[in-house]
Amino acid sequence: MYQLFVKITAIFLLSLALAGCRPFALQMVDPTGTPEYNLGWEDGCDSGLSAEGDWSYKVTFGFKKRPEMAANDQYKQGWNEGFSYCRFSLASSKAKSNWEDVGMGSGF
């Protein structure tokens, strides 16, 4: 009985840890820029996922915009680009599509 409890707890904790990860396609994106730009991109991406996603995305990622970086143009640019990229990437992954939308044409 104890072993079953340990296994179930381990599976639950692993699932919880994996739920906190970004979608796989967005894990492969590595923005290049200054550290401030990269921080803004990460915060903007999390905010974009929260804005576009369902309640689990809102709980996991939330809205992030650091007030201490309000005067930093690199942070603001990175935040805006990360927000747009991640929000619209998630929206397009949820949309129903077919091969014609990918640019293969109707002959494929």
Protein backbone atom coordinates (compact mmCIF):
# COMPACT_ATOMS: atom_id res chain seq x y z
CA MET A 1 0.00 0.00 0.00
CA TYR A 2 2.84 2.39 0.87
CA GLN A 3 4.59 1.69 -2.46
CA LEU A 4 1.43 2.49 -4.37
CA PHE A 5 1.11 5.78 -2.51
CA VAL A 6 4.74 6.66 -3.30
CA LYS A 7 4.26 5.84 -7.01
CA ILE A 8 1.09 7.90 -7.27
CA THR A 9 2.74 10.80 -5.48
CA ALA A 10 5.79 10.62 -7.76
CA ILE A 11 3.61 10.59 -10.88
CA PHE A 12 1.58 13.52 -9.58
CA LEU A 13 4.70 15.57 -8.82
CA LEU A 14 6.23 14.78 -12.20
CA SER A 15 3.02 15.79 -13.95
CA LEU A 16 2.93 19.00 -11.97
CA ALA A 17 6.53 19.79 -12.88
CA LEU A 18 5.92 19.17 -16.57
CA ALA A 19 2.79 21.31 -16.55
CA GLY A 20 4.94 24.31 -15.70
CA CYS A 21 6.92 24.01 -18.92
CA ARG A 22 6.22 26.00 -22.03
CA PRO A 23 4.82 24.20 -25.06
CA PHE A 24 7.56 22.25 -26.84
CA ALA A 25 7.67 24.49 -29.93
CA LEU A 26 8.29 27.52 -27.73
CA GLN A 27 11.05 25.81 -25.77
CA MET A 28 13.11 25.74 -28.95
CA VAL A 29 13.01 29.55 -29.36
CA ASP A 30 16.12 31.23 -28.05
CA PRO A 31 15.95 35.03 -28.39
CA THR A 32 19.23 36.79 -28.99
CA GLY A 33 19.91 40.16 -27.49
CA THR A 34 21.00 41.92 -24.36
CA PRO A 35 20.19 40.38 -20.98
CA GLU A 36 17.46 43.01 -20.52
CA TYR A 37 15.92 42.11 -23.89
CA ASN A 38 16.00 38.39 -23.06
CA LEU A 39 14.37 39.01 -19.67
CA GLY A 40 11.66 41.08 -21.34
CA TRP A 41 11.13 38.38 -23.98
CA GLU A 42 10.72 35.68 -21.33
CA ASP A 43 8.28 37.79 -19.30
CA GLY A 44 6.36 38.80 -22.42
CA CYS A 45 6.17 35.21 -23.64
CA ASP A 46 4.76 34.04 -20.31
CA SER A 47 2.23 36.88 -20.39
CA GLY A 48 1.25 36.05 -23.97
CA LEU A 49 0.67 32.40 -23.12
CA SER A 50 -1.44 33.50 -20.17
CA ALA A 51 -3.45 35.91 -22.33
CA GLU A 52 -4.19 33.37 -25.07
CA GLY A 53 -4.42 30.16 -23.07
CA ASP A 54 -7.10 28.63 -20.95
CA TRP A 55 -7.21 28.73 -17.15
CA SER A 56 -4.27 26.33 -16.79
CA TYR A 57 -2.04 28.71 -18.78
CA LYS A 58 -3.25 31.64 -16.70
CA VAL A 59 -2.38 29.81 -13.46
CA THR A 60 0.94 28.48 -14.74
CA PHE A 61 2.37 31.54 -16.50
CA GLY A 62 0.45 34.61 -15.31
CA PHE A 63 1.07 38.21 -16.29
CA LYS A 64 4.65 39.35 -15.80
CA LYS A 65 5.91 42.87 -16.36
CA ARG A 66 8.60 44.15 -14.03
CA PRO A 67 7.97 47.72 -12.86
CA GLU A 68 11.67 48.27 -12.17
CA MET A 69 12.32 47.76 -15.91
CA ALA A 70 9.68 50.29 -17.07
CA ALA A 71 12.31 52.78 -18.29
CA ASN A 72 14.43 50.16 -20.10
CA ASP A 73 13.77 50.22 -23.85
CA GLN A 74 15.45 46.85 -24.44
CA TYR A 75 13.20 45.18 -21.87
CA LYS A 76 10.08 46.80 -23.35
CA GLN A 77 11.00 45.74 -26.90
CA GLY A 78 11.74 42.19 -25.78
CA TRP A 79 8.51 42.03 -23.76
CA ASN A 80 6.40 43.21 -26.71
CA GLU A 81 8.04 40.79 -29.15
CA GLY A 82 7.86 37.85 -26.73
CA PHE A 83 4.22 38.58 -25.93
CA SER A 84 3.22 38.72 -29.60
CA TYR A 85 5.26 35.72 -30.64
CA CYS A 86 4.06 33.37 -27.91
CA ARG A 87 0.46 34.55 -27.92
CA PHE A 88 0.01 34.13 -31.65
CA SER A 89 2.02 30.91 -31.75
CA LEU A 90 -0.33 29.38 -29.19
CA ALA A 91 -3.36 30.74 -31.06
CA SER A 92 -2.21 29.22 -34.33
CA SER A 93 -1.48 25.88 -32.69
CA LYS A 94 -5.06 25.77 -31.37
CA ALA A 95 -6.66 26.75 -34.69
CA LYS A 96 -8.19 24.09 -36.89
CA SER A 97 -6.21 23.95 -40.08
CA ASN A 98 -5.55 21.79 -43.07
CA TRP A 99 -2.64 21.27 -45.46
CA GLU A 100 -3.69 24.19 -47.64
CA ASP A 101 -2.99 26.53 -44.75
CA VAL A 102 0.61 25.36 -44.61
CA GLY A 103 1.27 26.39 -48.21
CA MET A 104 1.28 22.93 -49.75
CA GLY A 105 -1.65 23.79 -52.01
CA SER A 106 -4.62 21.62 -52.76
CA GLY A 107 -2.56 19.14 -54.79
CA PHE A 108 -0.86 17.57 -51.83
